[in-house]
């Protein structure tokens, strides 16, 4: 007949963190539905062409539109007439309109150089961090954006704590 097999030791359940994630590699959950996001840059003509071809496949668009390059936390916004016209056209189309959510990206790039010293100074200054956070929030609210993507490049180790404070404040 059948009988229960007693194990000498109980298997340890995988804990939270690295072990569980490693054990799940290669396995796709039944309810898996990835977020399909695309980045857009105005300086590459392939970017608008790709967007025009694949916008129906996207859940969110992330354009490089905002720049924080001053030590005082001033926010600069790029106007992109091609992107604005395209988003308006697909949203107001009479047959099958598409409302593509946009989450603008803020970075520390001025179009020529990564402004690392200015970013480090801004991150170290609580008033400048608050100034940038407030402007980003106001921008997202005014544009009715679901959020902001932060892409500060080349953050030195010495500024990591200040960067984390900025992200938590934002």
C-alpha atoms as a PDB file:
ATOM      1  CA  UNK A   1       0.000   0.000   0.000  1.00  0.00           C
ATOM      2  CA  UNK A   2       0.813   3.639  -0.110  1.00  0.00           C
ATOM      3  CA  UNK A   3       2.233   5.386   2.900  1.00  0.00           C
ATOM      4  CA  UNK A   4       3.658   8.808   3.688  1.00  0.00           C
ATOM      5  CA  UNK A   5       7.382   9.267   3.342  1.00  0.00           C
ATOM      6  CA  UNK A   6       8.912  11.086   6.258  1.00  0.00           C
ATOM      7  CA  UNK A   7      11.733  13.404   5.402  1.00  0.00           C
ATOM      8  CA  UNK A   8      14.594  13.776   7.808  1.00  0.00           C
ATOM      9  CA  UNK A   9      14.722  17.554   7.358  1.00  0.00           C
ATOM     10  CA  UNK A  10      12.082  19.932   6.231  1.00  0.00           C
ATOM     11  CA  UNK A  11      12.953  21.881   3.121  1.00  0.00           C
ATOM     12  CA  UNK A  12      13.603  25.515   3.944  1.00  0.00           C
ATOM     13  CA  UNK A  13      11.218  27.863   2.213  1.00  0.00           C
ATOM     14  CA  UNK A  14      12.942  30.373   0.022  1.00  0.00           C
ATOM     15  CA  UNK A  15      13.067  33.665   1.825  1.00  0.00           C
ATOM     16  CA  UNK A  16      12.448  37.085   0.436  1.00  0.00           C
ATOM     17  CA  UNK A  17      15.069  38.695  -1.675  1.00  0.00           C
ATOM     18  CA  UNK A  18      17.797  37.286  -3.829  1.00  0.00           C
ATOM     19  CA  UNK A  19      17.093  33.554  -3.379  1.00  0.00           C
ATOM     20  CA  UNK A  20      13.424  33.872  -4.310  1.00  0.00           C
ATOM     21  CA  UNK A  21      14.245  36.032  -7.310  1.00  0.00           C
ATOM     22  CA  UNK A  22      16.904  33.605  -8.490  1.00  0.00           C
ATOM     23  CA  UNK A  23      14.543  30.668  -8.068  1.00  0.00           C
ATOM     24  CA  UNK A  24      11.937  32.476 -10.198  1.00  0.00           C
ATOM     25  CA  UNK A  25      14.287  33.153 -13.099  1.00  0.00           C
ATOM     26  CA  UNK A  26      12.896  31.820 -16.342  1.00  0.00           C
ATOM     27  CA  UNK A  27       9.414  31.310 -14.916  1.00  0.00           C
ATOM     28  CA  UNK A  28       6.646  33.587 -16.091  1.00  0.00           C
ATOM     29  CA  UNK A  29       3.636  33.909 -13.761  1.00  0.00           C
ATOM     30  CA  UNK A  30       0.223  33.213 -15.265  1.00  0.00           C
ATOM     31  CA  UNK A  31      -0.932  36.795 -14.741  1.00  0.00           C
ATOM     32  CA  UNK A  32       2.263  38.408 -16.103  1.00  0.00           C
ATOM     33  CA  UNK A  33       1.520  41.509 -18.140  1.00  0.00           C
ATOM     34  CA  UNK A  34       4.638  43.631 -18.579  1.00  0.00           C
ATOM     35  CA  UNK A  35       4.528  47.390 -18.856  1.00  0.00           C
ATOM     36  CA  UNK A  36       5.483  48.377 -22.386  1.00  0.00           C
ATOM     37  CA  UNK A  37       7.348  51.670 -22.245  1.00  0.00           C
ATOM     38  CA  UNK A  38       9.296  53.540 -24.898  1.00  0.00           C
ATOM     39  CA  UNK A  39      11.817  56.325 -24.641  1.00  0.00           C
ATOM     40  CA  UNK A  40      11.649  59.228 -27.070  1.00  0.00           C
ATOM     41  CA  UNK A  41      14.327  61.779 -27.934  1.00  0.00           C
ATOM     42  CA  UNK A  42      13.776  64.771 -30.193  1.00  0.00           C
ATOM     43  CA  UNK A  43      17.302  64.759 -31.619  1.00  0.00           C
ATOM     44  CA  UNK A  44      16.922  61.378 -33.395  1.00  0.00           C
ATOM     45  CA  UNK A  45      14.554  61.260 -36.370  1.00  0.00           C
ATOM     46  CA  UNK A  46      14.234  57.487 -35.930  1.00  0.00           C
ATOM     47  CA  UNK A  47      12.635  58.108 -32.547  1.00  0.00           C
ATOM     48  CA  UNK A  48       9.531  59.833 -33.956  1.00  0.00           C
ATOM     49  CA  UNK A  49       9.347  57.334 -36.823  1.00  0.00           C
ATOM     50  CA  UNK A  50       9.440  54.403 -34.411  1.00  0.00           C
ATOM     51  CA  UNK A  51       6.822  56.044 -32.203  1.00  0.00           C
ATOM     52  CA  UNK A  52       4.521  56.612 -35.183  1.00  0.00           C
ATOM     53  CA  UNK A  53       4.845  52.957 -36.100  1.00  0.00           C
ATOM     54  CA  UNK A  54       4.475  51.395 -32.626  1.00  0.00           C
ATOM     55  CA  UNK A  55       2.417  53.777 -30.440  1.00  0.00           C
ATOM     56  CA  UNK A  56      -0.497  51.333 -30.268  1.00  0.00           C
ATOM     57  CA  UNK A  57       1.764  48.771 -28.591  1.00  0.00           C
ATOM     58  CA  UNK A  58       2.810  51.110 -25.770  1.00  0.00           C
ATOM     59  CA  UNK A  59       1.507  51.599 -22.251  1.00  0.00           C
ATOM     60  CA  UNK A  60       3.583  54.717 -21.546  1.00  0.00           C
ATOM     61  CA  UNK A  61       5.859  57.080 -23.451  1.00  0.00           C
ATOM     62  CA  UNK A  62       8.962  58.530 -21.763  1.00  0.00           C
ATOM     63  CA  UNK A  63      10.267  61.551 -23.664  1.00  0.00           C
ATOM     64  CA  UNK A  64      13.526  63.257 -22.760  1.00  0.00           C
ATOM     65  CA  UNK A  65      11.897  66.601 -22.051  1.00  0.00           C
ATOM     66  CA  UNK A  66      13.172  68.036 -18.767  1.00  0.00           C
ATOM     67  CA  UNK A  67      16.625  69.099 -17.645  1.00  0.00           C
ATOM     68  CA  UNK A  68      18.005  70.017 -14.226  1.00  0.00           C
ATOM     69  CA  UNK A  69      21.396  71.536 -14.931  1.00  0.00           C
ATOM     70  CA  UNK A  70      21.693  74.384 -12.420  1.00  0.00           C
ATOM     71  CA  UNK A  71      22.950  74.218  -8.829  1.00  0.00           C
ATOM     72  CA  UNK A  72      19.827  76.050  -7.645  1.00  0.00           C
ATOM     73  CA  UNK A  73      17.461  73.321  -8.834  1.00  0.00           C
ATOM     74  CA  UNK A  74      15.973  75.239 -11.775  1.00  0.00           C
ATOM     75  CA  UNK A  75      13.965  73.063 -14.175  1.00  0.00           C
ATOM     76  CA  UNK A  76      14.213  73.560 -17.947  1.00  0.00           C
ATOM     77  CA  UNK A  77      11.602  72.043 -20.265  1.00  0.00           C
ATOM     78  CA  UNK A  78      12.111  71.281 -23.957  1.00  0.00           C
ATOM     79  CA  UNK A  79       9.272  71.985 -26.348  1.00  0.00           C
ATOM     80  CA  UNK A  80       8.988  69.377 -29.098  1.00  0.00           C
ATOM     81  CA  UNK A  81       6.436  70.472 -31.700  1.00  0.00           C
ATOM     82  CA  UNK A  82       6.625  67.151 -33.584  1.00  0.00           C
ATOM     83  CA  UNK A  83       5.818  65.114 -30.488  1.00  0.00           C
ATOM     84  CA  UNK A  84       3.112  67.532 -29.359  1.00  0.00           C
ATOM     85  CA  UNK A  85       1.451  67.459 -32.798  1.00  0.00           C
ATOM     86  CA  UNK A  86       1.646  63.667 -32.988  1.00  0.00           C
ATOM     87  CA  UNK A  87       0.153  63.114 -29.516  1.00  0.00           C
ATOM     88  CA  UNK A  88      -2.624  65.599 -30.269  1.00  0.00           C
ATOM     89  CA  UNK A  89      -3.364  63.921 -33.613  1.00  0.00           C
ATOM     90  CA  UNK A  90      -3.735  60.418 -32.173  1.00  0.00           C
ATOM     91  CA  UNK A  91      -5.784  61.668 -29.227  1.00  0.00           C
ATOM     92  CA  UNK A  92      -8.275  63.700 -31.278  1.00  0.00           C
ATOM     93  CA  UNK A  93      -8.671  61.235 -34.128  1.00  0.00           C
ATOM     94  CA  UNK A  94     -12.387  60.722 -34.825  1.00  0.00           C
ATOM     95  CA  UNK A  95     -12.047  57.014 -35.526  1.00  0.00           C
ATOM     96  CA  UNK A  96     -10.143  55.097 -32.864  1.00  0.00           C
ATOM     97  CA  UNK A  97      -8.541  57.842 -30.716  1.00  0.00           C
ATOM     98  CA  UNK A  98      -5.548  56.827 -28.574  1.00  0.00           C
ATOM     99  CA  UNK A  99      -4.647  58.527 -25.297  1.00  0.00           C
ATOM    100  CA  UNK A 100      -1.006  57.554 -24.744  1.00  0.00           C
ATOM    101  CA  UNK A 101       0.172  58.327 -21.180  1.00  0.00           C
ATOM    102  CA  UNK A 102       3.392  60.365 -21.031  1.00  0.00           C
ATOM    103  CA  UNK A 103       5.925  60.335 -18.199  1.00  0.00           C
ATOM    104  CA  UNK A 104       8.570  62.939 -19.025  1.00  0.00           C
ATOM    105  CA  UNK A 105      12.168  62.197 -18.137  1.00  0.00           C
ATOM    106  CA  UNK A 106      14.355  64.680 -16.240  1.00  0.00           C
ATOM    107  CA  UNK A 107      18.110  64.428 -16.562  1.00  0.00           C
ATOM    108  CA  UNK A 108      21.244  66.446 -15.855  1.00  0.00           C
ATOM    109  CA  UNK A 109      22.210  66.834 -19.522  1.00  0.00           C
ATOM    110  CA  UNK A 110      22.273  70.245 -21.206  1.00  0.00           C
ATOM    111  CA  UNK A 111      22.346  68.961 -24.793  1.00  0.00           C
ATOM    112  CA  UNK A 112      26.121  68.968 -24.892  1.00  0.00           C
ATOM    113  CA  UNK A 113      27.487  67.822 -21.511  1.00  0.00           C
ATOM    114  CA  UNK A 114      26.402  65.928 -18.414  1.00  0.00           C
ATOM    115  CA  UNK A 115      26.353  68.650 -15.744  1.00  0.00           C
ATOM    116  CA  UNK A 116      27.709  66.584 -12.860  1.00  0.00           C
ATOM    117  CA  UNK A 117      29.222  69.348 -10.645  1.00  0.00           C
ATOM    118  CA  UNK A 118      25.983  71.351 -10.806  1.00  0.00           C
ATOM    119  CA  UNK A 119      23.921  68.239 -10.009  1.00  0.00           C
ATOM    120  CA  UNK A 120      26.162  67.393  -7.039  1.00  0.00           C
ATOM    121  CA  UNK A 121      25.795  70.939  -5.689  1.00  0.00           C
ATOM    122  CA  UNK A 122      22.006  70.873  -6.192  1.00  0.00           C
ATOM    123  CA  UNK A 123      21.672  67.490  -4.458  1.00  0.00           C
ATOM    124  CA  UNK A 124      23.745  68.685  -1.487  1.00  0.00           C
ATOM    125  CA  UNK A 125      21.521  71.744  -0.982  1.00  0.00           C
ATOM    126  CA  UNK A 126      18.149  70.929   0.685  1.00  0.00           C
ATOM    127  CA  UNK A 127      16.560  74.151  -0.611  1.00  0.00           C
ATOM    128  CA  UNK A 128      17.664  73.415  -4.201  1.00  0.00           C
ATOM    129  CA  UNK A 129      16.404  69.816  -3.959  1.00  0.00           C
ATOM    130  CA  UNK A 130      13.048  71.087  -2.679  1.00  0.00           C
ATOM    131  CA  UNK A 131      12.929  73.685  -5.460  1.00  0.00           C
ATOM    132  CA  UNK A 132      13.467  71.055  -8.154  1.00  0.00           C
ATOM    133  CA  UNK A 133      11.011  68.629  -6.528  1.00  0.00           C
ATOM    134  CA  UNK A 134       8.336  71.325  -6.384  1.00  0.00           C
ATOM    135  CA  UNK A 135       8.865  72.302 -10.031  1.00  0.00           C
ATOM    136  CA  UNK A 136       8.732  68.665 -11.163  1.00  0.00           C
ATOM    137  CA  UNK A 137       5.508  68.113  -9.236  1.00  0.00           C
ATOM    138  CA  UNK A 138       3.961  71.288 -10.649  1.00  0.00           C
ATOM    139  CA  UNK A 139       5.001  70.292 -14.169  1.00  0.00           C
ATOM    140  CA  UNK A 140       3.505  66.808 -13.846  1.00  0.00           C
ATOM    141  CA  UNK A 141       0.286  68.218 -12.365  1.00  0.00           C
ATOM    142  CA  UNK A 142      -0.048  70.888 -15.072  1.00  0.00           C
ATOM    143  CA  UNK A 143       0.501  68.348 -17.851  1.00  0.00           C
ATOM    144  CA  UNK A 144      -1.611  65.695 -16.099  1.00  0.00           C
ATOM    145  CA  UNK A 145       1.314  63.280 -16.357  1.00  0.00           C
ATOM    146  CA  UNK A 146       1.199  60.075 -14.290  1.00  0.00           C
ATOM    147  CA  UNK A 147       4.755  60.673 -13.047  1.00  0.00           C
ATOM    148  CA  UNK A 148       8.313  61.715 -13.784  1.00  0.00           C
ATOM    149  CA  UNK A 149      11.276  59.499 -14.721  1.00  0.00           C
ATOM    150  CA  UNK A 150      14.554  60.622 -13.108  1.00  0.00           C
ATOM    151  CA  UNK A 151      17.722  59.950 -15.113  1.00  0.00           C
ATOM    152  CA  UNK A 152      20.586  61.650 -13.318  1.00  0.00           C
ATOM    153  CA  UNK A 153      23.780  60.300 -14.826  1.00  0.00           C
ATOM    154  CA  UNK A 154      27.203  59.953 -13.228  1.00  0.00           C
ATOM    155  CA  UNK A 155      26.062  60.492  -9.639  1.00  0.00           C
ATOM    156  CA  UNK A 156      29.256  60.064  -7.585  1.00  0.00           C
ATOM    157  CA  UNK A 157      29.309  57.747  -4.574  1.00  0.00           C
ATOM    158  CA  UNK A 158      29.761  60.757  -2.315  1.00  0.00           C
ATOM    159  CA  UNK A 159      26.359  62.110  -3.479  1.00  0.00           C
ATOM    160  CA  UNK A 160      24.337  58.880  -3.263  1.00  0.00           C
ATOM    161  CA  UNK A 161      22.773  59.789   0.108  1.00  0.00           C
ATOM    162  CA  UNK A 162      21.761  63.214  -1.224  1.00  0.00           C
ATOM    163  CA  UNK A 163      20.348  61.590  -4.362  1.00  0.00           C
ATOM    164  CA  UNK A 164      18.298  59.184  -2.256  1.00  0.00           C
ATOM    165  CA  UNK A 165      16.970  62.119  -0.199  1.00  0.00           C
ATOM    166  CA  UNK A 166      15.956  63.847  -3.433  1.00  0.00           C
ATOM    167  CA  UNK A 167      14.126  60.760  -4.713  1.00  0.00           C
ATOM    168  CA  UNK A 168      12.279  60.324  -1.403  1.00  0.00           C
ATOM    169  CA  UNK A 169      11.323  64.006  -1.331  1.00  0.00           C
ATOM    170  CA  UNK A 170      10.098  63.820  -4.902  1.00  0.00           C
END
